[in-house]
Amino acid sequence: MITEAAEALRAGQLVAFPTETVYGLGADARAPRAVQRIFTAKNRPDDHPLIVHIATADELGAWARDIPEAATRLMASFAPGPLTLILQKRSDVPDAVTGGHPTIGLRVPDHPVANALLRAFGSGVAAPSANRFGSVSPTTAAHVALELGASVDLILDGGACRVGIESTIVDLSRGEPALLRPGGLPAEAIEAVLGQPLKLGAQTKAPGTLPSHYAPRARVLAVDARALRAKVAEVTGRVVVLADHDVEGVPRIDLPADPVLAAPRLYAALREVDERGFDVAVVALPAPTGIGRAIADRLRRASHPRT
């Protein structure tokens, strides 16, 4: 299947594949027409950049210029892994893959299927999450098939994603390192390698940073853990709690309290909310440290009113 998938990419087709974070919808990053198929399949805005997946950190120079020493250090420490670096793109990188922006997001995934595909293909694969734009990211091949169906030419099934939350995005294109999106790699680990705190609030455009994102059809209410029962009591409609314990009189979908255990379950739980026909999901926000910071970010964006 890996050989077939690599050939499909060379033919301009779309291949969904697993990573340690979520499933990606991949196309040849050097082929603008193939990349455009991603935007069409996802109903994604054309100016919203994609992440290019590469087989090894040695390939950074094929896509980015003026690579800072910080990028080398971070890749040496965390590649392969759930880290995306934003760098200045080379002039020969198609604008289609960067949304017309002068920067590019690059990462080395940590999944045997993804790595085998990238090695067999021999070049970068542009791959956002394999779902409709703004909705819940897929963490199984079945999620991809249900949501995108015939829009995908081939789906590689690598089982459930181990991390379950998208990569952490760090911007190194503007000098001082900045955190654009918390993710599967805790910011604290990145700061320890860099020897400095990550700047917040940078303006570089990056995937998954819109106010409303990662959202099921149902309304999501993300609250402080101490306010969970009170919030449930004031909500009307078909209500479900995402938690590791019961709230009297309300159905529950299991979501561990430990953020490390919750991350691989989060998106499947949000999908289950819709599958079971609930109107409202109430969930407690974890402490904003480690991977809990990424979960809190996803829940806040899922609960943001859609425009």
C-alpha atoms as a PDB file:
ATOM      1  CA  MET A   1       0.000   0.000   0.000  1.00  0.00           C
ATOM      2  CA  ILE A   2       2.888   2.396   0.653  1.00  0.00           C
ATOM      3  CA  THR A   3       4.136   2.031  -2.924  1.00  0.00           C
ATOM      4  CA  GLU A   4       0.606   2.523  -4.239  1.00  0.00           C
ATOM      5  CA  ALA A   5       0.173   5.612  -2.083  1.00  0.00           C
ATOM      6  CA  ALA A   6       3.472   7.120  -3.258  1.00  0.00           C
ATOM      7  CA  GLU A   7       2.432   6.549  -6.867  1.00  0.00           C
ATOM      8  CA  ALA A   8      -0.926   8.178  -6.171  1.00  0.00           C
ATOM      9  CA  LEU A   9       0.841  11.279  -4.838  1.00  0.00           C
ATOM     10  CA  ARG A  10       3.024  11.434  -7.945  1.00  0.00           C
ATOM     11  CA  ALA A  11      -0.156  11.267 -10.053  1.00  0.00           C
ATOM     12  CA  GLY A  12      -1.604  14.323  -8.298  1.00  0.00           C
ATOM     13  CA  GLN A  13      -4.033  12.371  -6.137  1.00  0.00           C
ATOM     14  CA  LEU A  14      -4.985  12.874  -2.491  1.00  0.00           C
ATOM     15  CA  VAL A  15      -3.775  10.358   0.083  1.00  0.00           C
ATOM     16  CA  ALA A  16      -4.954  10.378   3.690  1.00  0.00           C
ATOM     17  CA  PHE A  17      -2.370   8.974   6.081  1.00  0.00           C
ATOM     18  CA  PRO A  18      -1.833   8.639   9.836  1.00  0.00           C
ATOM     19  CA  THR A  19       0.609  10.624  11.901  1.00  0.00           C
ATOM     20  CA  GLU A  20       1.185  10.528  15.637  1.00  0.00           C
ATOM     21  CA  THR A  21      -1.032  13.615  15.987  1.00  0.00           C
ATOM     22  CA  VAL A  22      -4.023  13.294  13.612  1.00  0.00           C
ATOM     23  CA  TYR A  23      -4.670  11.922  10.126  1.00  0.00           C
ATOM     24  CA  GLY A  24      -3.440  14.176   7.326  1.00  0.00           C
ATOM     25  CA  LEU A  25      -4.877  14.789   3.860  1.00  0.00           C
ATOM     26  CA  GLY A  26      -1.775  14.673   1.697  1.00  0.00           C
ATOM     27  CA  ALA A  27      -0.783  15.925  -1.742  1.00  0.00           C
ATOM     28  CA  ASP A  28       2.510  16.521  -3.535  1.00  0.00           C
ATOM     29  CA  ALA A  29       3.655  19.840  -2.070  1.00  0.00           C
ATOM     30  CA  ARG A  30       5.439  20.726  -5.327  1.00  0.00           C
ATOM     31  CA  ALA A  31       2.275  20.297  -7.438  1.00  0.00           C
ATOM     32  CA  PRO A  32      -0.067  23.314  -7.187  1.00  0.00           C
ATOM     33  CA  ARG A  33      -3.001  21.514  -8.845  1.00  0.00           C
ATOM     34  CA  ALA A  34      -2.763  18.646  -6.391  1.00  0.00           C
ATOM     35  CA  VAL A  35      -2.493  21.067  -3.489  1.00  0.00           C
ATOM     36  CA  GLN A  36      -5.578  22.901  -4.716  1.00  0.00           C
ATOM     37  CA  ARG A  37      -7.498  19.634  -4.457  1.00  0.00           C
ATOM     38  CA  ILE A  38      -6.827  19.702  -0.704  1.00  0.00           C
ATOM     39  CA  PHE A  39      -8.415  23.131  -0.393  1.00  0.00           C
ATOM     40  CA  THR A  40     -11.419  22.004  -2.436  1.00  0.00           C
ATOM     41  CA  ALA A  41     -11.917  18.749  -0.515  1.00  0.00           C
ATOM     42  CA  LYS A  42     -11.727  20.517   2.857  1.00  0.00           C
ATOM     43  CA  ASN A  43     -13.561  23.693   1.780  1.00  0.00           C
ATOM     44  CA  ARG A  44     -10.513  25.480   3.166  1.00  0.00           C
ATOM     45  CA  PRO A  45      -9.786  29.188   2.515  1.00  0.00           C
ATOM     46  CA  ASP A  46      -7.075  29.562  -0.141  1.00  0.00           C
ATOM     47  CA  ASP A  47      -4.999  31.881   2.043  1.00  0.00           C
ATOM     48  CA  HIS A  48      -4.799  29.401   4.941  1.00  0.00           C
ATOM     49  CA  PRO A  49      -1.323  27.801   4.752  1.00  0.00           C
ATOM     50  CA  LEU A  50      -0.594  24.073   4.851  1.00  0.00           C
ATOM     51  CA  ILE A  51       2.084  22.171   6.751  1.00  0.00           C
ATOM     52  CA  VAL A  52       4.611  20.302   4.622  1.00  0.00           C
ATOM     53  CA  HIS A  53       5.648  16.925   6.025  1.00  0.00           C
ATOM     54  CA  ILE A  54       9.199  15.798   5.320  1.00  0.00           C
ATOM     55  CA  ALA A  55      11.018  12.523   6.003  1.00  0.00           C
ATOM     56  CA  THR A  56      13.987  13.957   7.931  1.00  0.00           C
ATOM     57  CA  ALA A  57      15.219  17.248   9.332  1.00  0.00           C
ATOM     58  CA  ASP A  58      17.939  17.206   6.656  1.00  0.00           C
ATOM     59  CA  GLU A  59      15.252  18.250   4.143  1.00  0.00           C
ATOM     60  CA  LEU A  60      14.559  21.628   5.768  1.00  0.00           C
ATOM     61  CA  GLY A  61      16.880  23.352   3.306  1.00  0.00           C
ATOM     62  CA  ALA A  62      14.871  22.095   0.331  1.00  0.00           C
ATOM     63  CA  TRP A  63      11.914  24.170   1.486  1.00  0.00           C
ATOM     64  CA  ALA A  64      13.202  26.967   3.726  1.00  0.00           C
ATOM     65  CA  ARG A  65      15.920  29.620   3.545  1.00  0.00           C
ATOM     66  CA  ASP A  66      17.861  31.454   6.208  1.00  0.00           C
ATOM     67  CA  ILE A  67      17.356  28.586   8.637  1.00  0.00           C
ATOM     68  CA  PRO A  68      18.211  29.829  12.142  1.00  0.00           C
ATOM     69  CA  GLU A  69      20.314  27.915  14.621  1.00  0.00           C
ATOM     70  CA  ALA A  70      17.252  27.543  16.843  1.00  0.00           C
ATOM     71  CA  ALA A  71      15.572  25.453  14.139  1.00  0.00           C
ATOM     72  CA  THR A  72      18.555  23.109  14.011  1.00  0.00           C
ATOM     73  CA  ARG A  73      18.480  22.676  17.778  1.00  0.00           C
ATOM     74  CA  LEU A  74      14.754  22.027  17.926  1.00  0.00           C
ATOM     75  CA  MET A  75      14.848  19.522  15.091  1.00  0.00           C
ATOM     76  CA  ALA A  76      17.771  17.717  16.715  1.00  0.00           C
ATOM     77  CA  SER A  77      15.774  17.431  19.936  1.00  0.00           C
ATOM     78  CA  PHE A  78      12.245  16.773  18.701  1.00  0.00           C
ATOM     79  CA  ALA A  79      12.257  15.432  15.129  1.00  0.00           C
ATOM     80  CA  PRO A  80      10.524  13.197  14.399  1.00  0.00           C
ATOM     81  CA  GLY A  81       7.747  14.434  16.609  1.00  0.00           C
ATOM     82  CA  PRO A  82       4.713  16.719  16.994  1.00  0.00           C
ATOM     83  CA  LEU A  83       6.533  19.981  16.245  1.00  0.00           C
ATOM     84  CA  THR A  84       6.023  22.299  13.267  1.00  0.00           C
ATOM     85  CA  LEU A  85       8.494  25.098  12.561  1.00  0.00           C
ATOM     86  CA  ILE A  86       7.534  28.222  10.623  1.00  0.00           C
ATOM     87  CA  LEU A  87      10.463  29.431   8.519  1.00  0.00           C
ATOM     88  CA  GLN A  88      11.061  31.741   5.585  1.00  0.00           C
ATOM     89  CA  LYS A  89      10.214  29.776   2.438  1.00  0.00           C
ATOM     90  CA  ARG A  90      12.458  29.310  -0.567  1.00  0.00           C
ATOM     91  CA  SER A  91      11.453  31.136  -3.729  1.00  0.00           C
ATOM     92  CA  ASP A  92      10.819  27.870  -5.589  1.00  0.00           C
ATOM     93  CA  VAL A  93       8.143  26.702  -3.137  1.00  0.00           C
ATOM     94  CA  PRO A  94       4.688  27.036  -4.751  1.00  0.00           C
ATOM     95  CA  ASP A  95       2.513  29.786  -3.300  1.00  0.00           C
ATOM     96  CA  ALA A  96      -0.402  27.342  -3.274  1.00  0.00           C
ATOM     97  CA  VAL A  97       1.076  25.408  -0.368  1.00  0.00           C
ATOM     98  CA  THR A  98       1.787  28.498   1.772  1.00  0.00           C
ATOM     99  CA  GLY A  99      -1.442  30.350   1.059  1.00  0.00           C
ATOM    100  CA  GLY A 100       0.579  33.045  -0.687  1.00  0.00           C
ATOM    101  CA  HIS A 101       2.549  33.850   2.472  1.00  0.00           C
ATOM    102  CA  PRO A 102       6.373  34.199   2.587  1.00  0.00           C
ATOM    103  CA  THR A 103       6.709  31.531   5.266  1.00  0.00           C
ATOM    104  CA  ILE A 104       6.321  27.749   5.337  1.00  0.00           C
ATOM    105  CA  GLY A 105       5.437  25.247   8.050  1.00  0.00           C
ATOM    106  CA  LEU A 106       7.598  22.105   8.154  1.00  0.00           C
ATOM    107  CA  ARG A 107       7.553  19.020  10.332  1.00  0.00           C
ATOM    108  CA  VAL A 108       8.845  15.443  10.527  1.00  0.00           C
ATOM    109  CA  PRO A 109       6.004  13.150  11.694  1.00  0.00           C
ATOM    110  CA  ASP A 110       6.612  10.345  14.170  1.00  0.00           C
ATOM    111  CA  HIS A 111       4.564   7.487  12.721  1.00  0.00           C
ATOM    112  CA  PRO A 112       5.884   4.437  10.849  1.00  0.00           C
ATOM    113  CA  VAL A 113       3.258   4.672   8.091  1.00  0.00           C
ATOM    114  CA  ALA A 114       3.823   8.385   7.525  1.00  0.00           C
ATOM    115  CA  ASN A 115       7.590   7.953   7.548  1.00  0.00           C
ATOM    116  CA  ALA A 116       7.453   5.046   5.102  1.00  0.00           C
ATOM    117  CA  LEU A 117       5.226   7.061   2.770  1.00  0.00           C
ATOM    118  CA  LEU A 118       7.511  10.091   2.847  1.00  0.00           C
ATOM    119  CA  ARG A 119      10.586   7.972   2.149  1.00  0.00           C
ATOM    120  CA  ALA A 120       8.866   6.157  -0.725  1.00  0.00           C
ATOM    121  CA  PHE A 121       7.563   9.401  -2.214  1.00  0.00           C
ATOM    122  CA  GLY A 122      10.915  11.151  -1.879  1.00  0.00           C
ATOM    123  CA  SER A 123       9.640  14.691  -1.426  1.00  0.00           C
ATOM    124  CA  GLY A 124       7.483  16.855   0.811  1.00  0.00           C
ATOM    125  CA  VAL A 125       3.797  16.144   1.311  1.00  0.00           C
ATOM    126  CA  ALA A 126       1.440  19.009   2.104  1.00  0.00           C
ATOM    127  CA  ALA A 127      -1.042  17.686   4.633  1.00  0.00           C
ATOM    128  CA  PRO A 128      -3.548  19.487   6.827  1.00  0.00           C
ATOM    129  CA  SER A 129      -5.897  17.399   8.956  1.00  0.00           C
ATOM    130  CA  ALA A 130      -8.149  15.132   6.861  1.00  0.00           C
ATOM    131  CA  ASN A 131     -11.504  16.719   7.709  1.00  0.00           C
ATOM    132  CA  ARG A 132     -13.754  19.544   6.613  1.00  0.00           C
ATOM    133  CA  PHE A 133     -12.271  22.921   7.477  1.00  0.00           C
ATOM    134  CA  GLY A 134     -13.070  23.985  11.039  1.00  0.00           C
ATOM    135  CA  SER A 135     -14.545  20.668  12.150  1.00  0.00           C
ATOM    136  CA  VAL A 136     -13.189  17.968  14.457  1.00  0.00           C
ATOM    137  CA  SER A 137      -9.861  16.488  13.389  1.00  0.00           C
ATOM    138  CA  PRO A 138      -9.744  12.749  12.545  1.00  0.00           C
ATOM    139  CA  THR A 139      -7.760  10.324  14.676  1.00  0.00           C
ATOM    140  CA  THR A 140      -8.763   7.113  12.848  1.00  0.00           C
ATOM    141  CA  ALA A 141      -9.053   6.092   9.210  1.00  0.00           C
ATOM    142  CA  ALA A 142     -12.788   5.592   9.745  1.00  0.00           C
ATOM    143  CA  HIS A 143     -13.155   9.272  10.720  1.00  0.00           C
ATOM    144  CA  VAL A 144     -11.540  10.271   7.408  1.00  0.00           C
ATOM    145  CA  ALA A 145     -13.777   7.990   5.350  1.00  0.00           C
ATOM    146  CA  LEU A 146     -16.939   9.194   7.067  1.00  0.00           C
ATOM    147  CA  GLU A 147     -16.150  12.880   6.639  1.00  0.00           C
ATOM    148  CA  LEU A 148     -14.367  13.151   3.296  1.00  0.00           C
ATOM    149  CA  GLY A 149     -15.466   9.957   1.534  1.00  0.00           C
ATOM    150  CA  ALA A 150     -14.887  10.030  -2.208  1.00  0.00           C
ATOM    151  CA  SER A 151     -12.885  13.270  -1.989  1.00  0.00           C
ATOM    152  CA  VAL A 152      -9.898  11.123  -0.953  1.00  0.00           C
ATOM    153  CA  ASP A 153      -8.293   8.823  -3.522  1.00  0.00           C
ATOM    154  CA  LEU A 154      -6.583   6.542  -1.000  1.00  0.00           C
ATOM    155  CA  ILE A 155      -6.651   6.157   2.791  1.00  0.00           C
ATOM    156  CA  LEU A 156      -3.782   4.492   4.633  1.00  0.00           C
ATOM    157  CA  ASP A 157      -5.000   2.936   7.877  1.00  0.00           C
ATOM    158  CA  GLY A 158      -2.417   3.133  10.644  1.00  0.00           C
ATOM    159  CA  GLY A 159      -4.755   2.701  13.594  1.00  0.00           C
ATOM    160  CA  ALA A 160      -5.685   5.328  16.154  1.00  0.00           C
ATOM    161  CA  CYS A 161      -3.309   8.274  16.505  1.00  0.00           C
ATOM    162  CA  ARG A 162      -1.048   8.013  19.551  1.00  0.00           C
ATOM    163  CA  VAL A 163      -0.883  11.717  20.517  1.00  0.00           C
ATOM    164  CA  GLY A 164      -4.294  12.776  19.236  1.00  0.00           C
ATOM    165  CA  ILE A 165      -3.662  16.549  19.234  1.00  0.00           C
ATOM    166  CA  GLU A 166      -2.114  18.495  16.374  1.00  0.00           C
ATOM    167  CA  SER A 167       1.527  19.522  16.373  1.00  0.00           C
ATOM    168  CA  THR A 168       2.859  22.471  18.316  1.00  0.00           C
ATOM    169  CA  ILE A 169       3.651  25.341  15.939  1.00  0.00           C
ATOM    170  CA  VAL A 170       6.660  27.557  16.655  1.00  0.00           C
ATOM    171  CA  ASP A 171       7.422  30.578  14.496  1.00  0.00           C
ATOM    172  CA  LEU A 172      11.123  31.117  13.832  1.00  0.00           C
ATOM    173  CA  SER A 173      10.614  33.379  10.820  1.00  0.00           C
ATOM    174  CA  ARG A 174      10.663  36.684  12.690  1.00  0.00           C
ATOM    175  CA  GLY A 175      13.677  36.369  14.950  1.00  0.00           C
ATOM    176  CA  GLU A 176      12.378  35.791  18.459  1.00  0.00           C
ATOM    177  CA  PRO A 177      10.759  32.303  18.740  1.00  0.00           C
ATOM    178  CA  ALA A 178       6.977  32.512  19.104  1.00  0.00           C
ATOM    179  CA  LEU A 179       4.314  29.960  19.992  1.00  0.00           C
ATOM    180  CA  LEU A 180       1.555  30.081  17.376  1.00  0.00           C
ATOM    181  CA  ARG A 181      -0.341  26.945  18.399  1.00  0.00           C
ATOM    182  CA  PRO A 182       0.108  24.734  21.472  1.00  0.00           C
ATOM    183  CA  GLY A 183       0.079  21.060  20.578  1.00  0.00           C
ATOM    184  CA  GLY A 184       1.375  17.590  21.203  1.00  0.00           C
ATOM    185  CA  LEU A 185       4.822  18.812  22.222  1.00  0.00           C
ATOM    186  CA  PRO A 186       4.618  20.851  25.446  1.00  0.00           C
ATOM    187  CA  ALA A 187       5.865  24.417  25.141  1.00  0.00           C
ATOM    188  CA  GLU A 188       7.876  23.908  28.324  1.00  0.00           C
ATOM    189  CA  ALA A 189      10.037  21.291  26.581  1.00  0.00           C
ATOM    190  CA  ILE A 190      10.698  23.646  23.676  1.00  0.00           C
ATOM    191  CA  GLU A 191      11.607  26.514  25.989  1.00  0.00           C
ATOM    192  CA  ALA A 192      14.041  24.267  27.855  1.00  0.00           C
ATOM    193  CA  VAL A 193      15.930  23.524  24.629  1.00  0.00           C
ATOM    194  CA  LEU A 194      15.894  27.149  23.475  1.00  0.00           C
ATOM    195  CA  GLY A 195      16.839  28.497  26.900  1.00  0.00           C
ATOM    196  CA  GLN A 196      14.208  31.222  26.642  1.00  0.00           C
ATOM    197  CA  PRO A 197      10.439  31.635  26.868  1.00  0.00           C
ATOM    198  CA  LEU A 198       8.365  31.517  23.697  1.00  0.00           C
ATOM    199  CA  LYS A 199       6.820  34.794  22.672  1.00  0.00           C
ATOM    200  CA  LEU A 200       3.014  34.821  22.484  1.00  0.00           C
ATOM    201  CA  GLY A 201       0.703  36.684  20.144  1.00  0.00           C
ATOM    202  CA  ALA A 202       2.797  36.627  16.949  1.00  0.00           C
ATOM    203  CA  GLN A 203       1.069  37.686  13.726  1.00  0.00           C
ATOM    204  CA  THR A 204       2.333  34.989  11.344  1.00  0.00           C
ATOM    205  CA  LYS A 205      -0.552  33.081   9.767  1.00  0.00           C
ATOM    206  CA  ALA A 206      -0.602  29.399  10.707  1.00  0.00           C
ATOM    207  CA  PRO A 207      -2.984  26.419  10.609  1.00  0.00           C
ATOM    208  CA  GLY A 208      -5.502  25.907  13.382  1.00  0.00           C
ATOM    209  CA  THR A 209      -5.298  29.406  14.855  1.00  0.00           C
ATOM    210  CA  LEU A 210      -8.701  30.827  13.919  1.00  0.00           C
ATOM    211  CA  PRO A 211     -11.031  31.658  16.847  1.00  0.00           C
ATOM    212  CA  SER A 212     -13.515  28.935  15.848  1.00  0.00           C
ATOM    213  CA  HIS A 213     -11.989  25.566  14.972  1.00  0.00           C
ATOM    214  CA  TYR A 214     -12.004  21.845  15.906  1.00  0.00           C
ATOM    215  CA  ALA A 215     -15.770  22.067  16.447  1.00  0.00           C
ATOM    216  CA  PRO A 216     -18.509  19.429  16.337  1.00  0.00           C
ATOM    217  CA  ARG A 217     -22.024  20.342  15.203  1.00  0.00           C
ATOM    218  CA  ALA A 218     -23.175  20.377  18.827  1.00  0.00           C
ATOM    219  CA  ARG A 219     -22.541  23.370  21.042  1.00  0.00           C
ATOM    220  CA  VAL A 220     -19.476  22.967  23.264  1.00  0.00           C
ATOM    221  CA  LEU A 221     -19.279  24.629  26.678  1.00  0.00           C
ATOM    222  CA  ALA A 222     -15.762  24.547  28.138  1.00  0.00           C
ATOM    223  CA  VAL A 223     -15.739  25.577  31.787  1.00  0.00           C
ATOM    224  CA  ASP A 224     -13.584  25.529  34.895  1.00  0.00           C
ATOM    225  CA  ALA A 225     -13.748  22.098  36.531  1.00  0.00           C
ATOM    226  CA  ARG A 226     -15.294  23.611  39.677  1.00  0.00           C
ATOM    227  CA  ALA A 227     -18.174  25.009  37.600  1.00  0.00           C
ATOM    228  CA  LEU A 228     -18.995  21.808  35.713  1.00  0.00           C
ATOM    229  CA  ARG A 229     -22.058  20.744  37.714  1.00  0.00           C
ATOM    230  CA  ALA A 230     -23.474  24.269  37.877  1.00  0.00           C
ATOM    231  CA  LYS A 231     -23.103  24.733  34.126  1.00  0.00           C
ATOM    232  CA  VAL A 232     -24.822  21.408  33.407  1.00  0.00           C
ATOM    233  CA  ALA A 233     -27.739  22.442  35.631  1.00  0.00           C
ATOM    234  CA  GLU A 234     -28.377  25.650  33.682  1.00  0.00           C
ATOM    235  CA  VAL A 235     -28.201  24.207  30.143  1.00  0.00           C
ATOM    236  CA  THR A 236     -31.286  23.094  28.224  1.00  0.00           C
ATOM    237  CA  GLY A 237     -31.620  20.533  25.428  1.00  0.00           C
ATOM    238  CA  ARG A 238     -29.924  17.159  25.093  1.00  0.00           C
ATOM    239  CA  VAL A 239     -26.852  17.623  27.265  1.00  0.00           C
ATOM    240  CA  VAL A 240     -23.832  15.351  27.688  1.00  0.00           C
ATOM    241  CA  VAL A 241     -20.810  15.683  29.953  1.00  0.00           C
ATOM    242  CA  LEU A 242     -17.297  14.857  28.764  1.00  0.00           C
ATOM    243  CA  ALA A 243     -15.590  13.735  31.955  1.00  0.00           C
ATOM    244  CA  ASP A 244     -14.074  10.849  33.895  1.00  0.00           C
ATOM    245  CA  HIS A 245     -16.905  10.850  36.454  1.00  0.00           C
ATOM    246  CA  ASP A 246     -20.688  10.910  36.407  1.00  0.00           C
ATOM    247  CA  VAL A 247     -22.766  14.019  36.920  1.00  0.00           C
ATOM    248  CA  GLU A 248     -26.108  12.955  38.329  1.00  0.00           C
ATOM    249  CA  GLY A 249     -28.904  12.777  35.790  1.00  0.00           C
ATOM    250  CA  VAL A 250     -26.759  13.577  32.739  1.00  0.00           C
ATOM    251  CA  PRO A 251     -25.268  11.162  30.163  1.00  0.00           C
ATOM    252  CA  ARG A 252     -21.485  10.983  30.078  1.00  0.00           C
ATOM    253  CA  ILE A 253     -18.857  10.339  27.410  1.00  0.00           C
ATOM    254  CA  ASP A 254     -15.616   9.235  29.001  1.00  0.00           C
ATOM    255  CA  LEU A 255     -12.749  11.712  28.879  1.00  0.00           C
ATOM    256  CA  PRO A 256      -9.852  11.118  31.300  1.00  0.00           C
ATOM    257  CA  ALA A 257      -8.877  13.895  33.694  1.00  0.00           C
ATOM    258  CA  ASP A 258      -5.174  13.333  32.975  1.00  0.00           C
ATOM    259  CA  PRO A 259      -4.417  15.503  29.897  1.00  0.00           C
ATOM    260  CA  VAL A 260      -1.892  12.984  28.536  1.00  0.00           C
ATOM    261  CA  LEU A 261      -4.607  10.318  28.523  1.00  0.00           C
ATOM    262  CA  ALA A 262      -7.323  12.731  27.420  1.00  0.00           C
ATOM    263  CA  ALA A 263      -5.531  13.999  24.306  1.00  0.00           C
ATOM    264  CA  PRO A 264      -5.870  10.761  22.270  1.00  0.00           C
ATOM    265  CA  ARG A 265      -9.554  10.562  23.283  1.00  0.00           C
ATOM    266  CA  LEU A 266     -10.605  14.179  22.818  1.00  0.00           C
ATOM    267  CA  TYR A 267     -11.563  14.256  19.138  1.00  0.00           C
ATOM    268  CA  ALA A 268     -13.209  10.844  19.208  1.00  0.00           C
ATOM    269  CA  ALA A 269     -15.283  12.038  22.184  1.00  0.00           C
ATOM    270  CA  LEU A 270     -16.339  15.217  20.352  1.00  0.00           C
ATOM    271  CA  ARG A 271     -17.337  13.142  17.339  1.00  0.00           C
ATOM    272  CA  GLU A 272     -19.361  10.837  19.574  1.00  0.00           C
ATOM    273  CA  VAL A 273     -21.307  13.864  20.810  1.00  0.00           C
ATOM    274  CA  ASP A 274     -22.646  14.382  17.286  1.00  0.00           C
ATOM    275  CA  GLU A 275     -23.089  10.682  16.545  1.00  0.00           C
ATOM    276  CA  ARG A 276     -25.363  10.306  19.580  1.00  0.00           C
ATOM    277  CA  GLY A 277     -27.388  13.392  18.726  1.00  0.00           C
ATOM    278  CA  PHE A 278     -26.604  15.611  21.697  1.00  0.00           C
ATOM    279  CA  ASP A 279     -27.232  19.351  21.465  1.00  0.00           C
ATOM    280  CA  VAL A 280     -24.690  20.504  24.056  1.00  0.00           C
ATOM    281  CA  ALA A 281     -21.445  19.061  25.415  1.00  0.00           C
ATOM    282  CA  VAL A 282     -20.109  20.400  28.712  1.00  0.00           C
ATOM    283  CA  VAL A 283     -16.441  19.730  29.441  1.00  0.00           C
ATOM    284  CA  ALA A 284     -13.976  20.908  32.079  1.00  0.00           C
ATOM    285  CA  LEU A 285     -10.862  22.757  30.973  1.00  0.00           C
ATOM    286  CA  PRO A 286      -7.576  21.178  32.116  1.00  0.00           C
ATOM    287  CA  ALA A 287      -4.801  23.163  33.723  1.00  0.00           C
ATOM    288  CA  PRO A 288      -2.995  25.127  30.969  1.00  0.00           C
ATOM    289  CA  THR A 289       0.352  23.384  31.346  1.00  0.00           C
ATOM    290  CA  GLY A 290       2.009  20.627  29.316  1.00  0.00           C
ATOM    291  CA  ILE A 291      -0.350  19.016  26.819  1.00  0.00           C
ATOM    292  CA  GLY A 292      -3.228  20.367  28.909  1.00  0.00           C
ATOM    293  CA  ARG A 293      -2.501  23.728  27.332  1.00  0.00           C
ATOM    294  CA  ALA A 294      -3.204  22.283  23.884  1.00  0.00           C
ATOM    295  CA  ILE A 295      -6.414  20.583  25.029  1.00  0.00           C
ATOM    296  CA  ALA A 296      -7.645  23.826  26.594  1.00  0.00           C
ATOM    297  CA  ASP A 297      -6.828  25.652  23.343  1.00  0.00           C
ATOM    298  CA  ARG A 298      -8.833  23.141  21.267  1.00  0.00           C
ATOM    299  CA  LEU A 299     -11.804  23.250  23.612  1.00  0.00           C
ATOM    300  CA  ARG A 300     -11.899  27.044  23.637  1.00  0.00           C
ATOM    301  CA  ARG A 301     -11.837  27.137  19.842  1.00  0.00           C
ATOM    302  CA  ALA A 302     -14.480  24.383  19.628  1.00  0.00           C
ATOM    303  CA  SER A 303     -16.709  26.435  21.943  1.00  0.00           C
ATOM    304  CA  HIS A 304     -16.224  29.702  20.071  1.00  0.00           C
ATOM    305  CA  PRO A 305     -19.384  30.825  18.211  1.00  0.00           C
ATOM    306  CA  ARG A 306     -19.143  30.092  14.484  1.00  0.00           C
ATOM    307  CA  THR A 307     -19.485  33.041  12.124  1.00  0.00           C
END
